[in-house]
């Protein structure tokens, strides 16, 4: 399992939770009540899980309301990703690993 960063982007007009995945970053808008944004990001994370199991770790220097909300959200998201990844493996839906025999490294297709 690979650990990826999660950060909070605080701006005057809106704040976002930024999650770094295998294939890019995903942003959840924290200051809007928009379930479609959350669904869209979750679907992108599901696609990204095919490239390997990840967990997010929040890195933030300010312990405000956003920090505590994001910390709990990430805790739940990490647990869900483990369960979903196990299902992807069970149905053989994860990207196949290729072993580099020259130096015994494992690489995933892009």
PDB file of N, CA and C in Angstrom:
ATOM      1  N   UNK A   1       0.843  -1.176   0.000  1.00  0.00           N
ATOM      2  CA  UNK A   1       0.000   0.000   0.000  1.00  0.00           C
ATOM      3  C   UNK A   1       0.889   1.241   0.000  1.00  0.00           C
ATOM      4  N   UNK A   2       0.526   2.170  -0.836  1.00  0.00           N
ATOM      5  CA  UNK A   2       1.280   3.410  -0.964  1.00  0.00           C
ATOM      6  C   UNK A   2       0.538   4.542  -0.249  1.00  0.00           C
ATOM      7  N   UNK A   3       1.276   5.380   0.455  1.00  0.00           N
ATOM      8  CA  UNK A   3       0.674   6.519   1.154  1.00  0.00           C
ATOM      9  C   UNK A   3       0.803   7.760   0.292  1.00  0.00           C
ATOM     10  N   UNK A   4      -0.320   8.416   0.075  1.00  0.00           N
ATOM     11  CA  UNK A   4      -0.364   9.641  -0.723  1.00  0.00           C
ATOM     12  C   UNK A   4      -0.792  10.800   0.177  1.00  0.00           C
ATOM     13  N   UNK A   5      -0.462  11.997  -0.240  1.00  0.00           N
ATOM     14  CA  UNK A   5      -0.759  13.163   0.591  1.00  0.00           C
ATOM     15  C   UNK A   5      -2.156  13.711   0.341  1.00  0.00           C
ATOM     16  N   UNK A   6      -2.684  14.283   1.388  1.00  0.00           N
ATOM     17  CA  UNK A   6      -3.938  15.028   1.335  1.00  0.00           C
ATOM     18  C   UNK A   6      -3.673  16.363   2.016  1.00  0.00           C
ATOM     19  N   UNK A   7      -4.093  17.429   1.382  1.00  0.00           N
ATOM     20  CA  UNK A   7      -3.882  18.755   1.943  1.00  0.00           C
ATOM     21  C   UNK A   7      -5.176  19.554   1.868  1.00  0.00           C
ATOM     22  N   UNK A   8      -5.251  20.565   2.706  1.00  0.00           N
ATOM     23  CA  UNK A   8      -6.410  21.451   2.694  1.00  0.00           C
ATOM     24  C   UNK A   8      -5.987  22.756   2.036  1.00  0.00           C
ATOM     25  N   UNK A   9      -6.732  23.138   1.000  1.00  0.00           N
ATOM     26  CA  UNK A   9      -6.486  24.409   0.322  1.00  0.00           C
ATOM     27  C   UNK A   9      -7.524  25.408   0.834  1.00  0.00           C
ATOM     28  N   UNK A  10      -7.073  26.323   1.666  1.00  0.00           N
ATOM     29  CA  UNK A  10      -7.971  27.337   2.228  1.00  0.00           C
ATOM     30  C   UNK A  10      -7.874  28.605   1.393  1.00  0.00           C
ATOM     31  N   UNK A  11      -9.018  29.027   0.880  1.00  0.00           N
ATOM     32  CA  UNK A  11      -9.084  30.265   0.109  1.00  0.00           C
ATOM     33  C   UNK A  11     -10.239  31.093   0.650  1.00  0.00           C
ATOM     34  N   UNK A  12     -10.283  32.355   0.298  1.00  0.00           N
ATOM     35  CA  UNK A  12     -11.333  33.210   0.841  1.00  0.00           C
ATOM     36  C   UNK A  12     -12.717  32.823   0.325  1.00  0.00           C
ATOM     37  N   UNK A  13     -12.810  32.396  -0.942  1.00  0.00           N
ATOM     38  CA  UNK A  13     -14.118  32.060  -1.496  1.00  0.00           C
ATOM     39  C   UNK A  13     -14.508  30.600  -1.301  1.00  0.00           C
ATOM     40  N   UNK A  14     -13.551  29.694  -1.196  1.00  0.00           N
ATOM     41  CA  UNK A  14     -13.868  28.288  -0.949  1.00  0.00           C
ATOM     42  C   UNK A  14     -12.629  27.539  -0.458  1.00  0.00           C
ATOM     43  N   UNK A  15     -12.892  26.464   0.262  1.00  0.00           N
ATOM     44  CA  UNK A  15     -11.813  25.596   0.744  1.00  0.00           C
ATOM     45  C   UNK A  15     -12.010  24.216   0.150  1.00  0.00           C
ATOM     46  N   UNK A  16     -10.877  23.533  -0.105  1.00  0.00           N
ATOM     47  CA  UNK A  16     -10.923  22.236  -0.769  1.00  0.00           C
ATOM     48  C   UNK A  16     -10.004  21.250  -0.063  1.00  0.00           C
ATOM     49  N   UNK A  17     -10.376  19.987  -0.126  1.00  0.00           N
ATOM     50  CA  UNK A  17      -9.511  18.895   0.286  1.00  0.00           C
ATOM     51  C   UNK A  17      -8.877  18.349  -0.982  1.00  0.00           C
ATOM     52  N   UNK A  18      -7.568  18.443  -1.099  1.00  0.00           N
ATOM     53  CA  UNK A  18      -6.842  17.975  -2.284  1.00  0.00           C
ATOM     54  C   UNK A  18      -6.196  16.632  -1.962  1.00  0.00           C
ATOM     55  N   UNK A  19      -6.507  15.632  -2.773  1.00  0.00           N
ATOM     56  CA  UNK A  19      -6.005  14.269  -2.595  1.00  0.00           C
ATOM     57  C   UNK A  19      -5.121  13.914  -3.779  1.00  0.00           C
ATOM     58  N   UNK A  20      -3.919  13.465  -3.519  1.00  0.00           N
ATOM     59  CA  UNK A  20      -2.992  13.085  -4.584  1.00  0.00           C
ATOM     60  C   UNK A  20      -3.104  11.589  -4.814  1.00  0.00           C
ATOM     61  N   UNK A  21      -3.465  11.177  -6.035  1.00  0.00           N
ATOM     62  CA  UNK A  21      -3.591   9.762  -6.364  1.00  0.00           C
ATOM     63  C   UNK A  21      -2.458   9.294  -7.245  1.00  0.00           C
ATOM     64  N   UNK A  22      -2.607   8.108  -7.832  1.00  0.00           N
ATOM     65  CA  UNK A  22      -1.602   7.569  -8.762  1.00  0.00           C
ATOM     66  C   UNK A  22      -1.553   8.393 -10.045  1.00  0.00           C
ATOM     67  N   UNK A  23      -2.733   8.737 -10.556  1.00  0.00           N
ATOM     68  CA  UNK A  23      -2.813   9.339 -11.889  1.00  0.00           C
ATOM     69  C   UNK A  23      -3.048  10.839 -11.878  1.00  0.00           C
ATOM     70  N   UNK A  24      -3.200  11.438 -10.728  1.00  0.00           N
ATOM     71  CA  UNK A  24      -3.449  12.872 -10.654  1.00  0.00           C
ATOM     72  C   UNK A  24      -3.969  13.252  -9.290  1.00  0.00           C
ATOM     73  N   UNK A  25      -4.456  14.480  -9.189  1.00  0.00           N
ATOM     74  CA  UNK A  25      -5.001  14.918  -7.909  1.00  0.00           C
ATOM     75  C   UNK A  25      -6.507  15.117  -8.038  1.00  0.00           C
ATOM     76  N   UNK A  26      -7.165  15.001  -6.916  1.00  0.00           N
ATOM     77  CA  UNK A  26      -8.620  15.106  -6.847  1.00  0.00           C
ATOM     78  C   UNK A  26      -8.962  16.141  -5.780  1.00  0.00           C
ATOM     79  N   UNK A  27      -9.988  16.957  -6.040  1.00  0.00           N
ATOM     80  CA  UNK A  27     -10.348  18.000  -5.086  1.00  0.00           C
ATOM     81  C   UNK A  27     -11.816  17.901  -4.698  1.00  0.00           C
ATOM     82  N   UNK A  28     -12.043  17.905  -3.403  1.00  0.00           N
ATOM     83  CA  UNK A  28     -13.396  17.928  -2.853  1.00  0.00           C
ATOM     84  C   UNK A  28     -13.615  19.318  -2.279  1.00  0.00           C
ATOM     85  N   UNK A  29     -14.642  19.985  -2.746  1.00  0.00           N
ATOM     86  CA  UNK A  29     -14.949  21.329  -2.266  1.00  0.00           C
ATOM     87  C   UNK A  29     -15.638  21.203  -0.908  1.00  0.00           C
ATOM     88  N   UNK A  30     -15.038  21.805   0.107  1.00  0.00           N
ATOM     89  CA  UNK A  30     -15.540  21.687   1.475  1.00  0.00           C
ATOM     90  C   UNK A  30     -16.581  22.740   1.820  1.00  0.00           C
ATOM     91  N   UNK A  31     -16.613  23.834   1.084  1.00  0.00           N
ATOM     92  CA  UNK A  31     -17.471  24.961   1.426  1.00  0.00           C
ATOM     93  C   UNK A  31     -18.780  24.981   0.649  1.00  0.00           C
ATOM     94  N   UNK A  32     -19.056  23.930  -0.101  1.00  0.00           N
ATOM     95  CA  UNK A  32     -20.309  23.834  -0.852  1.00  0.00           C
ATOM     96  C   UNK A  32     -21.010  22.531  -0.503  1.00  0.00           C
ATOM     97  N   UNK A  33     -22.317  22.568  -0.533  1.00  0.00           N
ATOM     98  CA  UNK A  33     -23.112  21.358  -0.336  1.00  0.00           C
ATOM     99  C   UNK A  33     -23.399  20.782  -1.717  1.00  0.00           C
ATOM    100  N   UNK A  34     -22.450  20.027  -2.229  1.00  0.00           N
ATOM    101  CA  UNK A  34     -22.539  19.509  -3.587  1.00  0.00           C
ATOM    102  C   UNK A  34     -22.192  18.022  -3.604  1.00  0.00           C
ATOM    103  N   UNK A  35     -23.194  17.167  -3.390  1.00  0.00           N
ATOM    104  CA  UNK A  35     -22.916  15.726  -3.375  1.00  0.00           C
ATOM    105  C   UNK A  35     -22.385  15.199  -4.711  1.00  0.00           C
ATOM    106  N   UNK A  36     -22.708  15.873  -5.811  1.00  0.00           N
ATOM    107  CA  UNK A  36     -22.201  15.419  -7.115  1.00  0.00           C
ATOM    108  C   UNK A  36     -20.686  15.568  -7.211  1.00  0.00           C
ATOM    109  N   UNK A  37     -20.136  16.607  -6.581  1.00  0.00           N
ATOM    110  CA  UNK A  37     -18.684  16.775  -6.542  1.00  0.00           C
ATOM    111  C   UNK A  37     -18.038  15.604  -5.812  1.00  0.00           C
ATOM    112  N   UNK A  38     -18.606  15.232  -4.682  1.00  0.00           N
ATOM    113  CA  UNK A  38     -18.061  14.115  -3.897  1.00  0.00           C
ATOM    114  C   UNK A  38     -18.179  12.808  -4.672  1.00  0.00           C
ATOM    115  N   UNK A  39     -19.323  12.584  -5.315  1.00  0.00           N
ATOM    116  CA  UNK A  39     -19.513  11.368  -6.114  1.00  0.00           C
ATOM    117  C   UNK A  39     -18.507  11.303  -7.258  1.00  0.00           C
ATOM    118  N   UNK A  40     -18.315  12.426  -7.920  1.00  0.00           N
ATOM    119  CA  UNK A  40     -17.381  12.478  -9.044  1.00  0.00           C
ATOM    120  C   UNK A  40     -15.956  12.149  -8.595  1.00  0.00           C
ATOM    121  N   UNK A  41     -15.528  12.753  -7.494  1.00  0.00           N
ATOM    122  CA  UNK A  41     -14.184  12.492  -6.972  1.00  0.00           C
ATOM    123  C   UNK A  41     -14.062  11.032  -6.537  1.00  0.00           C
ATOM    124  N   UNK A  42     -15.082  10.509  -5.885  1.00  0.00           N
ATOM    125  CA  UNK A  42     -15.046   9.117  -5.441  1.00  0.00           C
ATOM    126  C   UNK A  42     -14.922   8.182  -6.641  1.00  0.00           C
ATOM    127  N   UNK A  43     -15.637   8.467  -7.728  1.00  0.00           N
ATOM    128  CA  UNK A  43     -15.533   7.640  -8.933  1.00  0.00           C
ATOM    129  C   UNK A  43     -14.127   7.691  -9.531  1.00  0.00           C
ATOM    130  N   UNK A  44     -13.513   8.865  -9.522  1.00  0.00           N
ATOM    131  CA  UNK A  44     -12.143   8.986 -10.020  1.00  0.00           C
ATOM    132  C   UNK A  44     -11.164   8.213  -9.142  1.00  0.00           C
ATOM    133  N   UNK A  45     -11.387   8.246  -7.825  1.00  0.00           N
ATOM    134  CA  UNK A  45     -10.533   7.486  -6.904  1.00  0.00           C
ATOM    135  C   UNK A  45     -10.701   5.990  -7.152  1.00  0.00           C
ATOM    136  N   UNK A  46     -11.939   5.545  -7.421  1.00  0.00           N
ATOM    137  CA  UNK A  46     -12.175   4.127  -7.723  1.00  0.00           C
ATOM    138  C   UNK A  46     -11.392   3.703  -8.959  1.00  0.00           C
ATOM    139  N   UNK A  47     -11.407   4.526  -9.998  1.00  0.00           N
ATOM    140  CA  UNK A  47     -10.631   4.214 -11.202  1.00  0.00           C
ATOM    141  C   UNK A  47      -9.144   4.152 -10.876  1.00  0.00           C
ATOM    142  N   UNK A  48      -8.703   5.055 -10.032  1.00  0.00           N
ATOM    143  CA  UNK A  48      -7.291   5.114  -9.658  1.00  0.00           C
ATOM    144  C   UNK A  48      -6.865   3.897  -8.839  1.00  0.00           C
ATOM    145  N   UNK A  49      -7.783   3.315  -8.098  1.00  0.00           N
ATOM    146  CA  UNK A  49      -7.470   2.132  -7.280  1.00  0.00           C
ATOM    147  C   UNK A  49      -7.054   0.936  -8.134  1.00  0.00           C
ATOM    148  N   UNK A  50      -7.452   0.928  -9.390  1.00  0.00           N
ATOM    149  CA  UNK A  50      -7.047  -0.169 -10.271  1.00  0.00           C
ATOM    150  C   UNK A  50      -5.531  -0.212 -10.436  1.00  0.00           C
ATOM    151  N   UNK A  51      -4.871   0.917 -10.167  1.00  0.00           N
ATOM    152  CA  UNK A  51      -3.408   0.996 -10.290  1.00  0.00           C
ATOM    153  C   UNK A  51      -2.687   0.644  -8.998  1.00  0.00           C
ATOM    154  N   UNK A  52      -3.427   0.280  -7.976  1.00  0.00           N
ATOM    155  CA  UNK A  52      -2.808  -0.115  -6.720  1.00  0.00           C
ATOM    156  C   UNK A  52      -3.485   0.535  -5.528  1.00  0.00           C
ATOM    157  N   UNK A  53      -3.401  -0.144  -4.397  1.00  0.00           N
ATOM    158  CA  UNK A  53      -4.019   0.341  -3.170  1.00  0.00           C
ATOM    159  C   UNK A  53      -3.235   1.521  -2.618  1.00  0.00           C
ATOM    160  N   UNK A  54      -3.956   2.561  -2.262  1.00  0.00           N
ATOM    161  CA  UNK A  54      -3.336   3.739  -1.662  1.00  0.00           C
ATOM    162  C   UNK A  54      -4.083   4.093  -0.386  1.00  0.00           C
ATOM    163  N   UNK A  55      -3.436   4.853   0.441  1.00  0.00           N
ATOM    164  CA  UNK A  55      -4.102   5.456   1.583  1.00  0.00           C
ATOM    165  C   UNK A  55      -3.680   6.915   1.620  1.00  0.00           C
ATOM    166  N   UNK A  56      -4.558   7.753   2.127  1.00  0.00           N
ATOM    167  CA  UNK A  56      -4.260   9.175   2.196  1.00  0.00           C
ATOM    168  C   UNK A  56      -3.854   9.545   3.608  1.00  0.00           C
ATOM    169  N   UNK A  57      -2.906  10.479   3.690  1.00  0.00           N
ATOM    170  CA  UNK A  57      -2.460  10.996   4.976  1.00  0.00           C
ATOM    171  C   UNK A  57      -2.537  12.520   4.914  1.00  0.00           C
ATOM    172  N   UNK A  58      -3.266  13.099   5.858  1.00  0.00           N
ATOM    173  CA  UNK A  58      -3.454  14.544   5.883  1.00  0.00           C
ATOM    174  C   UNK A  58      -2.218  15.240   6.416  1.00  0.00           C
ATOM    175  N   UNK A  59      -1.710  16.175   5.637  1.00  0.00           N
ATOM    176  CA  UNK A  59      -0.596  17.010   6.085  1.00  0.00           C
ATOM    177  C   UNK A  59      -1.102  18.443   6.115  1.00  0.00           C
ATOM    178  N   UNK A  60      -1.201  18.984   7.307  1.00  0.00           N
ATOM    179  CA  UNK A  60      -1.722  20.332   7.479  1.00  0.00           C
ATOM    180  C   UNK A  60      -1.169  20.902   8.775  1.00  0.00           C
ATOM    181  N   UNK A  61      -0.897  22.179   8.785  1.00  0.00           N
ATOM    182  CA  UNK A  61      -0.301  22.795   9.975  1.00  0.00           C
ATOM    183  C   UNK A  61      -1.295  23.568  10.827  1.00  0.00           C
ATOM    184  N   UNK A  62      -2.554  23.520  10.459  1.00  0.00           N
ATOM    185  CA  UNK A  62      -3.578  24.284  11.165  1.00  0.00           C
ATOM    186  C   UNK A  62      -4.682  23.341  11.633  1.00  0.00           C
ATOM    187  N   UNK A  63      -4.904  23.269  12.930  1.00  0.00           N
ATOM    188  CA  UNK A  63      -5.935  22.367  13.461  1.00  0.00           C
ATOM    189  C   UNK A  63      -7.238  23.125  13.690  1.00  0.00           C
ATOM    190  N   UNK A  64      -7.917  23.444  12.588  1.00  0.00           N
ATOM    191  CA  UNK A  64      -9.205  24.123  12.671  1.00  0.00           C
ATOM    192  C   UNK A  64     -10.324  23.136  12.346  1.00  0.00           C
ATOM    193  N   UNK A  65     -11.516  23.667  12.121  1.00  0.00           N
ATOM    194  CA  UNK A  65     -12.673  22.827  11.807  1.00  0.00           C
ATOM    195  C   UNK A  65     -12.426  22.000  10.547  1.00  0.00           C
ATOM    196  N   UNK A  66     -11.843  22.608   9.507  1.00  0.00           N
ATOM    197  CA  UNK A  66     -11.574  21.872   8.270  1.00  0.00           C
ATOM    198  C   UNK A  66     -10.627  20.706   8.511  1.00  0.00           C
ATOM    199  N   UNK A  67      -9.628  20.918   9.330  1.00  0.00           N
ATOM    200  CA  UNK A  67      -8.668  19.862   9.642  1.00  0.00           C
ATOM    201  C   UNK A  67      -9.378  18.645  10.249  1.00  0.00           C
ATOM    202  N   UNK A  68     -10.230  18.889  11.250  1.00  0.00           N
ATOM    203  CA  UNK A  68     -10.900  17.780  11.933  1.00  0.00           C
ATOM    204  C   UNK A  68     -11.915  17.079  11.029  1.00  0.00           C
ATOM    205  N   UNK A  69     -12.602  17.838  10.203  1.00  0.00           N
ATOM    206  CA  UNK A  69     -13.546  17.235   9.248  1.00  0.00           C
ATOM    207  C   UNK A  69     -12.794  16.379   8.238  1.00  0.00           C
ATOM    208  N   UNK A  70     -11.721  16.932   7.692  1.00  0.00           N
ATOM    209  CA  UNK A  70     -10.945  16.207   6.676  1.00  0.00           C
ATOM    210  C   UNK A  70     -10.259  14.974   7.257  1.00  0.00           C
ATOM    211  N   UNK A  71      -9.779  15.084   8.469  1.00  0.00           N
ATOM    212  CA  UNK A  71      -9.127  13.943   9.115  1.00  0.00           C
ATOM    213  C   UNK A  71     -10.106  12.773   9.253  1.00  0.00           C
ATOM    214  N   UNK A  72     -11.327  13.065   9.685  1.00  0.00           N
ATOM    215  CA  UNK A  72     -12.339  12.013   9.826  1.00  0.00           C
ATOM    216  C   UNK A  72     -12.762  11.482   8.462  1.00  0.00           C
ATOM    217  N   UNK A  73     -12.910  12.366   7.498  1.00  0.00           N
ATOM    218  CA  UNK A  73     -13.287  11.942   6.152  1.00  0.00           C
ATOM    219  C   UNK A  73     -12.232  11.005   5.562  1.00  0.00           C
ATOM    220  N   UNK A  74     -10.973  11.357   5.713  1.00  0.00           N
ATOM    221  CA  UNK A  74      -9.883  10.536   5.187  1.00  0.00           C
ATOM    222  C   UNK A  74      -9.829   9.184   5.887  1.00  0.00           C
ATOM    223  N   UNK A  75     -10.098   9.173   7.170  1.00  0.00           N
ATOM    224  CA  UNK A  75     -10.125   7.903   7.910  1.00  0.00           C
ATOM    225  C   UNK A  75     -11.182   6.969   7.314  1.00  0.00           C
ATOM    226  N   UNK A  76     -12.372   7.502   7.041  1.00  0.00           N
ATOM    227  CA  UNK A  76     -13.449   6.699   6.443  1.00  0.00           C
ATOM    228  C   UNK A  76     -13.103   6.301   5.004  1.00  0.00           C
ATOM    229  N   UNK A  77     -12.550   7.239   4.254  1.00  0.00           N
ATOM    230  CA  UNK A  77     -12.192   6.972   2.861  1.00  0.00           C
ATOM    231  C   UNK A  77     -11.141   5.874   2.768  1.00  0.00           C
ATOM    232  N   UNK A  78     -10.131   5.925   3.618  1.00  0.00           N
ATOM    233  CA  UNK A  78      -9.093   4.887   3.618  1.00  0.00           C
ATOM    234  C   UNK A  78      -9.681   3.511   3.896  1.00  0.00           C
ATOM    235  N   UNK A  79     -10.598   3.427   4.850  1.00  0.00           N
ATOM    236  CA  UNK A  79     -11.233   2.144   5.168  1.00  0.00           C
ATOM    237  C   UNK A  79     -12.048   1.639   3.978  1.00  0.00           C
ATOM    238  N   UNK A  80     -12.778   2.527   3.326  1.00  0.00           N
ATOM    239  CA  UNK A  80     -13.578   2.140   2.159  1.00  0.00           C
ATOM    240  C   UNK A  80     -12.687   1.683   1.005  1.00  0.00           C
ATOM    241  N   UNK A  81     -11.556   2.364   0.812  1.00  0.00           N
ATOM    242  CA  UNK A  81     -10.671   2.002  -0.294  1.00  0.00           C
ATOM    243  C   UNK A  81     -10.085   0.611  -0.107  1.00  0.00           C
ATOM    244  N   UNK A  82      -9.777   0.229   1.122  1.00  0.00           N
ATOM    245  CA  UNK A  82      -9.261  -1.123   1.376  1.00  0.00           C
ATOM    246  C   UNK A  82     -10.307  -2.157   0.983  1.00  0.00           C
ATOM    247  N   UNK A  83     -11.549  -1.938   1.408  1.00  0.00           N
ATOM    248  CA  UNK A  83     -12.629  -2.880   1.096  1.00  0.00           C
ATOM    249  C   UNK A  83     -12.872  -2.956  -0.412  1.00  0.00           C
ATOM    250  N   UNK A  84     -12.873  -1.813  -1.074  1.00  0.00           N
ATOM    251  CA  UNK A  84     -13.112  -1.790  -2.515  1.00  0.00           C
ATOM    252  C   UNK A  84     -11.951  -2.437  -3.267  1.00  0.00           C
ATOM    253  N   UNK A  85     -10.728  -2.177  -2.839  1.00  0.00           N
ATOM    254  CA  UNK A  85      -9.578  -2.766  -3.511  1.00  0.00           C
ATOM    255  C   UNK A  85      -9.610  -4.297  -3.400  1.00  0.00           C
ATOM    256  N   UNK A  86     -10.013  -4.798  -2.248  1.00  0.00           N
ATOM    257  CA  UNK A  86     -10.129  -6.254  -2.083  1.00  0.00           C
ATOM    258  C   UNK A  86     -11.158  -6.823  -3.056  1.00  0.00           C
ATOM    259  N   UNK A  87     -12.248  -6.094  -3.284  1.00  0.00           N
ATOM    260  CA  UNK A  87     -13.255  -6.533  -4.260  1.00  0.00           C
ATOM    261  C   UNK A  87     -12.680  -6.483  -5.681  1.00  0.00           C
ATOM    262  N   UNK A  88     -11.942  -5.429  -5.996  1.00  0.00           N
ATOM    263  CA  UNK A  88     -11.324  -5.333  -7.318  1.00  0.00           C
ATOM    264  C   UNK A  88     -10.373  -6.504  -7.555  1.00  0.00           C
ATOM    265  N   UNK A  89      -9.606  -6.856  -6.537  1.00  0.00           N
ATOM    266  CA  UNK A  89      -8.695  -8.005  -6.658  1.00  0.00           C
ATOM    267  C   UNK A  89      -9.480  -9.298  -6.840  1.00  0.00           C
ATOM    268  N   UNK A  90     -10.541  -9.433  -6.085  1.00  0.00           N
ATOM    269  CA  UNK A  90     -11.346 -10.657  -6.142  1.00  0.00           C
ATOM    270  C   UNK A  90     -11.912 -10.878  -7.541  1.00  0.00           C
ATOM    271  N   UNK A  91     -12.300  -9.802  -8.206  1.00  0.00           N
ATOM    272  CA  UNK A  91     -12.865  -9.908  -9.553  1.00  0.00           C
ATOM    273  C   UNK A  91     -11.823  -9.646 -10.642  1.00  0.00           C
ATOM    274  N   UNK A  92     -10.554  -9.637 -10.248  1.00  0.00           N
ATOM    275  CA  UNK A  92      -9.439  -9.487 -11.182  1.00  0.00           C
ATOM    276  C   UNK A  92      -9.565  -8.203 -12.018  1.00  0.00           C
ATOM    277  N   UNK A  93      -9.851  -7.090 -11.341  1.00  0.00           N
ATOM    278  CA  UNK A  93     -10.027  -5.813 -12.017  1.00  0.00           C
ATOM    279  C   UNK A  93      -8.891  -4.827 -11.754  1.00  0.00           C
ATOM    280  N   UNK A  94      -7.814  -5.293 -11.119  1.00  0.00           N
ATOM    281  CA  UNK A  94      -6.676  -4.412 -10.876  1.00  0.00           C
ATOM    282  C   UNK A  94      -5.685  -4.541 -12.023  1.00  0.00           C
ATOM    283  N   UNK A  95      -4.895  -3.490 -12.235  1.00  0.00           N
ATOM    284  CA  UNK A  95      -3.880  -3.516 -13.290  1.00  0.00           C
ATOM    285  C   UNK A  95      -2.853  -4.580 -12.952  1.00  0.00           C
ATOM    286  N   UNK A  96      -2.426  -5.293 -13.976  1.00  0.00           N
ATOM    287  CA  UNK A  96      -1.438  -6.350 -13.756  1.00  0.00           C
ATOM    288  C   UNK A  96      -0.068  -5.746 -13.528  1.00  0.00           C
ATOM    289  N   UNK A  97       0.684  -6.366 -12.632  1.00  0.00           N
ATOM    290  CA  UNK A  97       2.044  -5.931 -12.355  1.00  0.00           C
ATOM    291  C   UNK A  97       2.988  -6.630 -13.314  1.00  0.00           C
ATOM    292  N   UNK A  98       3.979  -5.897 -13.770  1.00  0.00           N
ATOM    293  CA  UNK A  98       5.022  -6.472 -14.635  1.00  0.00           C
ATOM    294  C   UNK A  98       6.325  -6.448 -13.857  1.00  0.00           C
ATOM    295  N   UNK A  99       6.984  -7.586 -13.779  1.00  0.00           N
ATOM    296  CA  UNK A  99       8.249  -7.642 -13.045  1.00  0.00           C
ATOM    297  C   UNK A  99       9.407  -7.374 -13.996  1.00  0.00           C
ATOM    298  N   UNK A 100      10.249  -6.454 -13.602  1.00  0.00           N
ATOM    299  CA  UNK A 100      11.463  -6.135 -14.356  1.00  0.00           C
ATOM    300  C   UNK A 100      12.549  -7.092 -13.875  1.00  0.00           C
ATOM    301  N   UNK A 101      12.856  -8.090 -14.682  1.00  0.00           N
ATOM    302  CA  UNK A 101      13.778  -9.141 -14.246  1.00  0.00           C
ATOM    303  C   UNK A 101      15.207  -8.637 -14.087  1.00  0.00           C
ATOM    304  N   UNK A 102      15.562  -7.538 -14.729  1.00  0.00           N
ATOM    305  CA  UNK A 102      16.932  -7.024 -14.623  1.00  0.00           C
ATOM    306  C   UNK A 102      17.251  -6.560 -13.210  1.00  0.00           C
ATOM    307  N   UNK A 103      16.270  -5.966 -12.524  1.00  0.00           N
ATOM    308  CA  UNK A 103      16.552  -5.483 -11.174  1.00  0.00           C
ATOM    309  C   UNK A 103      15.449  -5.827 -10.175  1.00  0.00           C
ATOM    310  N   UNK A 104      14.626  -6.817 -10.512  1.00  0.00           N
ATOM    311  CA  UNK A 104      13.570  -7.318  -9.623  1.00  0.00           C
ATOM    312  C   UNK A 104      12.648  -6.220  -9.087  1.00  0.00           C
ATOM    313  N   UNK A 105      12.301  -5.274  -9.924  1.00  0.00           N
ATOM    314  CA  UNK A 105      11.350  -4.241  -9.543  1.00  0.00           C
ATOM    315  C   UNK A 105      10.022  -4.544 -10.183  1.00  0.00           C
ATOM    316  N   UNK A 106       8.960  -4.136  -9.512  1.00  0.00           N
ATOM    317  CA  UNK A 106       7.632  -4.340 -10.025  1.00  0.00           C
ATOM    318  C   UNK A 106       7.123  -3.011 -10.566  1.00  0.00           C
ATOM    319  N   UNK A 107       6.624  -3.033 -11.793  1.00  0.00           N
ATOM    320  CA  UNK A 107       6.104  -1.812 -12.405  1.00  0.00           C
ATOM    321  C   UNK A 107       4.660  -2.049 -12.827  1.00  0.00           C
ATOM    322  N   UNK A 108       3.860  -1.009 -12.703  1.00  0.00           N
ATOM    323  CA  UNK A 108       2.464  -1.084 -13.135  1.00  0.00           C
ATOM    324  C   UNK A 108       2.332  -0.366 -14.481  1.00  0.00           C
ATOM    325  N   UNK A 109       1.491  -0.889 -15.358  1.00  0.00           N
ATOM    326  CA  UNK A 109       1.300  -0.217 -16.649  1.00  0.00           C
ATOM    327  C   UNK A 109       0.635   1.140 -16.436  1.00  0.00           C
ATOM    328  N   UNK A 110       0.913   2.073 -17.338  1.00  0.00           N
ATOM    329  CA  UNK A 110       0.307   3.411 -17.225  1.00  0.00           C
ATOM    330  C   UNK A 110      -0.895   3.541 -18.104  1.00  0.00           C
TER     331      UNK A 110
END
